[in-house]
């Protein structure tokens, strides 16, 4: 049994669309409908690890 060939790399257009849709507040189910070749989990992981703005997660310690 062979697995279907996947396009494992996200293009810059994919990244832009993903950021736009997430910025519009769409659910992951709605977003995954726009990427039929990718699973909802793949989109979530890519967004979380590569695209999600980090500035809101970085907290400075007092006195630094």
PDB file of N, CA and C in Angstrom:
ATOM      1  N   UNK A   1       0.845  -1.183   0.000  1.00  0.00           N
ATOM      2  CA  UNK A   1       0.000   0.000   0.000  1.00  0.00           C
ATOM      3  C   UNK A   1       0.889   1.245   0.000  1.00  0.00           C
ATOM      4  N   UNK A   2       0.633   2.153  -0.892  1.00  0.00           N
ATOM      5  CA  UNK A   2       1.436   3.372  -0.966  1.00  0.00           C
ATOM      6  C   UNK A   2       0.612   4.560  -0.492  1.00  0.00           C
ATOM      7  N   UNK A   3       1.316   5.495   0.077  1.00  0.00           N
ATOM      8  CA  UNK A   3       0.665   6.726   0.529  1.00  0.00           C
ATOM      9  C   UNK A   3       0.564   7.691  -0.640  1.00  0.00           C
ATOM     10  N   UNK A   4      -0.476   8.518  -0.636  1.00  0.00           N
ATOM     11  CA  UNK A   4      -0.544   9.532  -1.693  1.00  0.00           C
ATOM     12  C   UNK A   4       0.587  10.537  -1.543  1.00  0.00           C
ATOM     13  N   UNK A   5       1.052  11.049  -2.656  1.00  0.00           N
ATOM     14  CA  UNK A   5       2.123  12.039  -2.635  1.00  0.00           C
ATOM     15  C   UNK A   5       1.558  13.337  -2.069  1.00  0.00           C
ATOM     16  N   UNK A   6       2.278  13.910  -1.130  1.00  0.00           N
ATOM     17  CA  UNK A   6       1.842  15.152  -0.513  1.00  0.00           C
ATOM     18  C   UNK A   6       2.801  16.274  -0.858  1.00  0.00           C
ATOM     19  N   UNK A   7       2.233  17.441  -0.968  1.00  0.00           N
ATOM     20  CA  UNK A   7       3.059  18.635  -1.119  1.00  0.00           C
ATOM     21  C   UNK A   7       3.358  19.105   0.296  1.00  0.00           C
ATOM     22  N   UNK A   8       4.515  18.763   0.805  1.00  0.00           N
ATOM     23  CA  UNK A   8       4.794  19.021   2.214  1.00  0.00           C
ATOM     24  C   UNK A   8       5.200  20.459   2.500  1.00  0.00           C
ATOM     25  N   UNK A   9       5.611  21.186   1.508  1.00  0.00           N
ATOM     26  CA  UNK A   9       6.028  22.567   1.728  1.00  0.00           C
ATOM     27  C   UNK A   9       4.855  23.514   1.499  1.00  0.00           C
ATOM     28  N   UNK A  10       4.809  24.535   2.324  1.00  0.00           N
ATOM     29  CA  UNK A  10       3.802  25.573   2.171  1.00  0.00           C
ATOM     30  C   UNK A  10       4.410  26.689   1.328  1.00  0.00           C
ATOM     31  N   UNK A  11       3.681  27.151   0.350  1.00  0.00           N
ATOM     32  CA  UNK A  11       4.150  28.273  -0.461  1.00  0.00           C
ATOM     33  C   UNK A  11       3.897  29.569   0.299  1.00  0.00           C
ATOM     34  N   UNK A  12       4.491  30.640  -0.163  1.00  0.00           N
ATOM     35  CA  UNK A  12       4.249  31.936   0.467  1.00  0.00           C
ATOM     36  C   UNK A  12       2.779  32.332   0.301  1.00  0.00           C
ATOM     37  N   UNK A  13       2.159  31.915  -0.803  1.00  0.00           N
ATOM     38  CA  UNK A  13       0.733  32.184  -0.997  1.00  0.00           C
ATOM     39  C   UNK A  13      -0.108  31.410   0.012  1.00  0.00           C
ATOM     40  N   UNK A  14       0.278  30.163   0.298  1.00  0.00           N
ATOM     41  CA  UNK A  14      -0.416  29.375   1.325  1.00  0.00           C
ATOM     42  C   UNK A  14      -0.315  30.070   2.679  1.00  0.00           C
ATOM     43  N   UNK A  15       0.891  30.527   3.010  1.00  0.00           N
ATOM     44  CA  UNK A  15       1.111  31.208   4.289  1.00  0.00           C
ATOM     45  C   UNK A  15       0.252  32.463   4.387  1.00  0.00           C
ATOM     46  N   UNK A  16       0.222  33.245   3.317  1.00  0.00           N
ATOM     47  CA  UNK A  16      -0.568  34.478   3.315  1.00  0.00           C
ATOM     48  C   UNK A  16      -2.052  34.185   3.498  1.00  0.00           C
ATOM     49  N   UNK A  17      -2.557  33.181   2.786  1.00  0.00           N
ATOM     50  CA  UNK A  17      -3.965  32.828   2.890  1.00  0.00           C
ATOM     51  C   UNK A  17      -4.289  32.316   4.294  1.00  0.00           C
ATOM     52  N   UNK A  18      -3.426  31.487   4.835  1.00  0.00           N
ATOM     53  CA  UNK A  18      -3.640  30.950   6.181  1.00  0.00           C
ATOM     54  C   UNK A  18      -3.673  32.078   7.212  1.00  0.00           C
ATOM     55  N   UNK A  19      -2.739  32.999   7.128  1.00  0.00           N
ATOM     56  CA  UNK A  19      -2.721  34.139   8.051  1.00  0.00           C
ATOM     57  C   UNK A  19      -3.976  35.005   7.883  1.00  0.00           C
ATOM     58  N   UNK A  20      -4.387  35.222   6.651  1.00  0.00           N
ATOM     59  CA  UNK A  20      -5.574  36.031   6.391  1.00  0.00           C
ATOM     60  C   UNK A  20      -6.816  35.379   6.981  1.00  0.00           C
ATOM     61  N   UNK A  21      -6.993  34.088   6.718  1.00  0.00           N
ATOM     62  CA  UNK A  21      -8.186  33.389   7.201  1.00  0.00           C
ATOM     63  C   UNK A  21      -8.215  33.319   8.720  1.00  0.00           C
ATOM     64  N   UNK A  22      -7.064  33.062   9.317  1.00  0.00           N
ATOM     65  CA  UNK A  22      -6.984  33.013  10.781  1.00  0.00           C
ATOM     66  C   UNK A  22      -7.259  34.400  11.354  1.00  0.00           C
ATOM     67  N   UNK A  23      -6.740  35.436  10.702  1.00  0.00           N
ATOM     68  CA  UNK A  23      -6.979  36.801  11.142  1.00  0.00           C
ATOM     69  C   UNK A  23      -8.444  37.211  11.059  1.00  0.00           C
ATOM     70  N   UNK A  24      -9.173  36.595  10.139  1.00  0.00           N
ATOM     71  CA  UNK A  24     -10.606  36.868  10.001  1.00  0.00           C
ATOM     72  C   UNK A  24     -11.430  36.119  11.044  1.00  0.00           C
ATOM     73  N   UNK A  25     -10.767  35.268  11.829  1.00  0.00           N
ATOM     74  CA  UNK A  25     -11.460  34.558  12.889  1.00  0.00           C
ATOM     75  C   UNK A  25     -12.162  33.284  12.460  1.00  0.00           C
ATOM     76  N   UNK A  26     -11.808  32.752  11.305  1.00  0.00           N
ATOM     77  CA  UNK A  26     -12.428  31.508  10.853  1.00  0.00           C
ATOM     78  C   UNK A  26     -11.982  30.345  11.729  1.00  0.00           C
ATOM     79  N   UNK A  27     -12.843  29.354  11.845  1.00  0.00           N
ATOM     80  CA  UNK A  27     -12.502  28.146  12.600  1.00  0.00           C
ATOM     81  C   UNK A  27     -11.531  27.305  11.778  1.00  0.00           C
ATOM     82  N   UNK A  28     -10.855  26.375  12.447  1.00  0.00           N
ATOM     83  CA  UNK A  28      -9.921  25.505  11.725  1.00  0.00           C
ATOM     84  C   UNK A  28     -10.658  24.638  10.714  1.00  0.00           C
ATOM     85  N   UNK A  29     -11.894  24.255  11.008  1.00  0.00           N
ATOM     86  CA  UNK A  29     -12.678  23.487  10.033  1.00  0.00           C
ATOM     87  C   UNK A  29     -12.935  24.309   8.776  1.00  0.00           C
ATOM     88  N   UNK A  30     -13.284  25.588   8.953  1.00  0.00           N
ATOM     89  CA  UNK A  30     -13.518  26.459   7.806  1.00  0.00           C
ATOM     90  C   UNK A  30     -12.233  26.702   7.028  1.00  0.00           C
ATOM     91  N   UNK A  31     -11.141  26.879   7.743  1.00  0.00           N
ATOM     92  CA  UNK A  31      -9.848  27.099   7.091  1.00  0.00           C
ATOM     93  C   UNK A  31      -9.431  25.857   6.305  1.00  0.00           C
ATOM     94  N   UNK A  32      -9.599  24.684   6.897  1.00  0.00           N
ATOM     95  CA  UNK A  32      -9.170  23.458   6.212  1.00  0.00           C
ATOM     96  C   UNK A  32      -9.977  23.205   4.944  1.00  0.00           C
ATOM     97  N   UNK A  33     -11.197  23.734   4.868  1.00  0.00           N
ATOM     98  CA  UNK A  33     -11.981  23.618   3.627  1.00  0.00           C
ATOM     99  C   UNK A  33     -11.310  24.343   2.463  1.00  0.00           C
ATOM    100  N   UNK A  34     -10.504  25.358   2.767  1.00  0.00           N
ATOM    101  CA  UNK A  34      -9.813  26.138   1.738  1.00  0.00           C
ATOM    102  C   UNK A  34      -8.499  25.486   1.302  1.00  0.00           C
ATOM    103  N   UNK A  35      -8.067  24.448   2.049  1.00  0.00           N
ATOM    104  CA  UNK A  35      -6.831  23.716   1.747  1.00  0.00           C
ATOM    105  C   UNK A  35      -7.164  22.225   1.635  1.00  0.00           C
ATOM    106  N   UNK A  36      -7.810  21.804   0.555  1.00  0.00           N
ATOM    107  CA  UNK A  36      -8.279  20.411   0.464  1.00  0.00           C
ATOM    108  C   UNK A  36      -7.176  19.360   0.509  1.00  0.00           C
ATOM    109  N   UNK A  37      -5.957  19.723   0.198  1.00  0.00           N
ATOM    110  CA  UNK A  37      -4.854  18.753   0.194  1.00  0.00           C
ATOM    111  C   UNK A  37      -4.177  18.626   1.558  1.00  0.00           C
ATOM    112  N   UNK A  38      -4.604  19.425   2.533  1.00  0.00           N
ATOM    113  CA  UNK A  38      -3.948  19.426   3.842  1.00  0.00           C
ATOM    114  C   UNK A  38      -4.961  19.150   4.936  1.00  0.00           C
ATOM    115  N   UNK A  39      -4.504  18.447   5.964  1.00  0.00           N
ATOM    116  CA  UNK A  39      -5.396  18.155   7.079  1.00  0.00           C
ATOM    117  C   UNK A  39      -5.485  19.361   8.006  1.00  0.00           C
ATOM    118  N   UNK A  40      -6.530  19.374   8.801  1.00  0.00           N
ATOM    119  CA  UNK A  40      -6.702  20.449   9.782  1.00  0.00           C
ATOM    120  C   UNK A  40      -5.512  20.471  10.733  1.00  0.00           C
ATOM    121  N   UNK A  41      -5.045  19.307  11.156  1.00  0.00           N
ATOM    122  CA  UNK A  41      -3.903  19.225  12.063  1.00  0.00           C
ATOM    123  C   UNK A  41      -2.631  19.776  11.450  1.00  0.00           C
ATOM    124  N   UNK A  42      -2.402  19.496  10.184  1.00  0.00           N
ATOM    125  CA  UNK A  42      -1.224  20.017   9.491  1.00  0.00           C
ATOM    126  C   UNK A  42      -1.251  21.535   9.453  1.00  0.00           C
ATOM    127  N   UNK A  43      -2.413  22.087   9.172  1.00  0.00           N
ATOM    128  CA  UNK A  43      -2.554  23.544   9.130  1.00  0.00           C
ATOM    129  C   UNK A  43      -2.321  24.154  10.508  1.00  0.00           C
ATOM    130  N   UNK A  44      -2.871  23.531  11.552  1.00  0.00           N
ATOM    131  CA  UNK A  44      -2.706  24.042  12.906  1.00  0.00           C
ATOM    132  C   UNK A  44      -1.242  24.021  13.333  1.00  0.00           C
ATOM    133  N   UNK A  45      -0.561  22.939  13.047  1.00  0.00           N
ATOM    134  CA  UNK A  45       0.850  22.825  13.428  1.00  0.00           C
ATOM    135  C   UNK A  45       1.685  23.840  12.665  1.00  0.00           C
ATOM    136  N   UNK A  46       1.448  23.969  11.370  1.00  0.00           N
ATOM    137  CA  UNK A  46       2.220  24.938  10.576  1.00  0.00           C
ATOM    138  C   UNK A  46       1.992  26.354  11.100  1.00  0.00           C
ATOM    139  N   UNK A  47       0.749  26.690  11.371  1.00  0.00           N
ATOM    140  CA  UNK A  47       0.443  28.023  11.886  1.00  0.00           C
ATOM    141  C   UNK A  47       1.123  28.251  13.236  1.00  0.00           C
ATOM    142  N   UNK A  48       1.004  27.289  14.131  1.00  0.00           N
ATOM    143  CA  UNK A  48       1.546  27.445  15.486  1.00  0.00           C
ATOM    144  C   UNK A  48       3.063  27.538  15.518  1.00  0.00           C
ATOM    145  N   UNK A  49       3.719  26.783  14.647  1.00  0.00           N
ATOM    146  CA  UNK A  49       5.176  26.722  14.706  1.00  0.00           C
ATOM    147  C   UNK A  49       5.869  27.698  13.771  1.00  0.00           C
ATOM    148  N   UNK A  50       5.201  28.131  12.724  1.00  0.00           N
ATOM    149  CA  UNK A  50       5.875  28.966  11.726  1.00  0.00           C
ATOM    150  C   UNK A  50       5.273  30.354  11.550  1.00  0.00           C
ATOM    151  N   UNK A  51       3.979  30.517  11.789  1.00  0.00           N
ATOM    152  CA  UNK A  51       3.326  31.762  11.407  1.00  0.00           C
ATOM    153  C   UNK A  51       2.763  32.574  12.569  1.00  0.00           C
ATOM    154  N   UNK A  52       2.400  31.925  13.639  1.00  0.00           N
ATOM    155  CA  UNK A  52       1.749  32.615  14.741  1.00  0.00           C
ATOM    156  C   UNK A  52       2.652  33.697  15.301  1.00  0.00           C
ATOM    157  N   UNK A  53       2.122  34.900  15.445  1.00  0.00           N
ATOM    158  CA  UNK A  53       2.944  35.983  16.001  1.00  0.00           C
ATOM    159  C   UNK A  53       3.466  35.617  17.389  1.00  0.00           C
ATOM    160  N   UNK A  54       4.735  35.772  17.584  1.00  0.00           N
ATOM    161  CA  UNK A  54       5.370  35.394  18.849  1.00  0.00           C
ATOM    162  C   UNK A  54       5.413  36.539  19.850  1.00  0.00           C
ATOM    163  N   UNK A  55       5.226  37.771  19.397  1.00  0.00           N
ATOM    164  CA  UNK A  55       5.388  38.913  20.296  1.00  0.00           C
ATOM    165  C   UNK A  55       4.416  38.854  21.463  1.00  0.00           C
ATOM    166  N   UNK A  56       3.241  38.304  21.270  1.00  0.00           N
ATOM    167  CA  UNK A  56       2.272  38.236  22.346  1.00  0.00           C
ATOM    168  C   UNK A  56       2.630  37.142  23.356  1.00  0.00           C
ATOM    169  N   UNK A  57       3.483  36.216  22.949  1.00  0.00           N
ATOM    170  CA  UNK A  57       3.872  35.122  23.843  1.00  0.00           C
ATOM    171  C   UNK A  57       5.091  35.441  24.682  1.00  0.00           C
ATOM    172  N   UNK A  58       5.889  36.392  24.225  1.00  0.00           N
ATOM    173  CA  UNK A  58       7.114  36.728  24.929  1.00  0.00           C
ATOM    174  C   UNK A  58       6.784  37.742  26.013  1.00  0.00           C
ATOM    175  N   UNK A  59       7.081  37.354  27.238  1.00  0.00           N
ATOM    176  CA  UNK A  59       6.850  38.264  28.348  1.00  0.00           C
ATOM    177  C   UNK A  59       8.188  38.599  28.974  1.00  0.00           C
ATOM    178  N   UNK A  60       8.370  39.854  29.213  1.00  0.00           N
ATOM    179  CA  UNK A  60       9.631  40.284  29.819  1.00  0.00           C
ATOM    180  C   UNK A  60       9.503  40.191  31.319  1.00  0.00           C
ATOM    181  N   UNK A  61      10.586  39.804  31.945  1.00  0.00           N
ATOM    182  CA  UNK A  61      10.611  39.767  33.405  1.00  0.00           C
ATOM    183  C   UNK A  61      10.810  41.180  33.932  1.00  0.00           C
ATOM    184  N   UNK A  62      10.212  41.465  35.078  1.00  0.00           N
ATOM    185  CA  UNK A  62      10.443  42.787  35.669  1.00  0.00           C
ATOM    186  C   UNK A  62      11.945  42.988  35.930  1.00  0.00           C
ATOM    187  N   UNK A  63      12.414  44.165  35.672  1.00  0.00           N
ATOM    188  CA  UNK A  63      13.814  44.473  35.913  1.00  0.00           C
ATOM    189  C   UNK A  63      14.730  44.112  34.764  1.00  0.00           C
ATOM    190  N   UNK A  64      14.204  43.640  33.642  1.00  0.00           N
ATOM    191  CA  UNK A  64      15.039  43.291  32.498  1.00  0.00           C
ATOM    192  C   UNK A  64      15.006  44.390  31.495  1.00  0.00           C
TER     193      UNK A  64
END
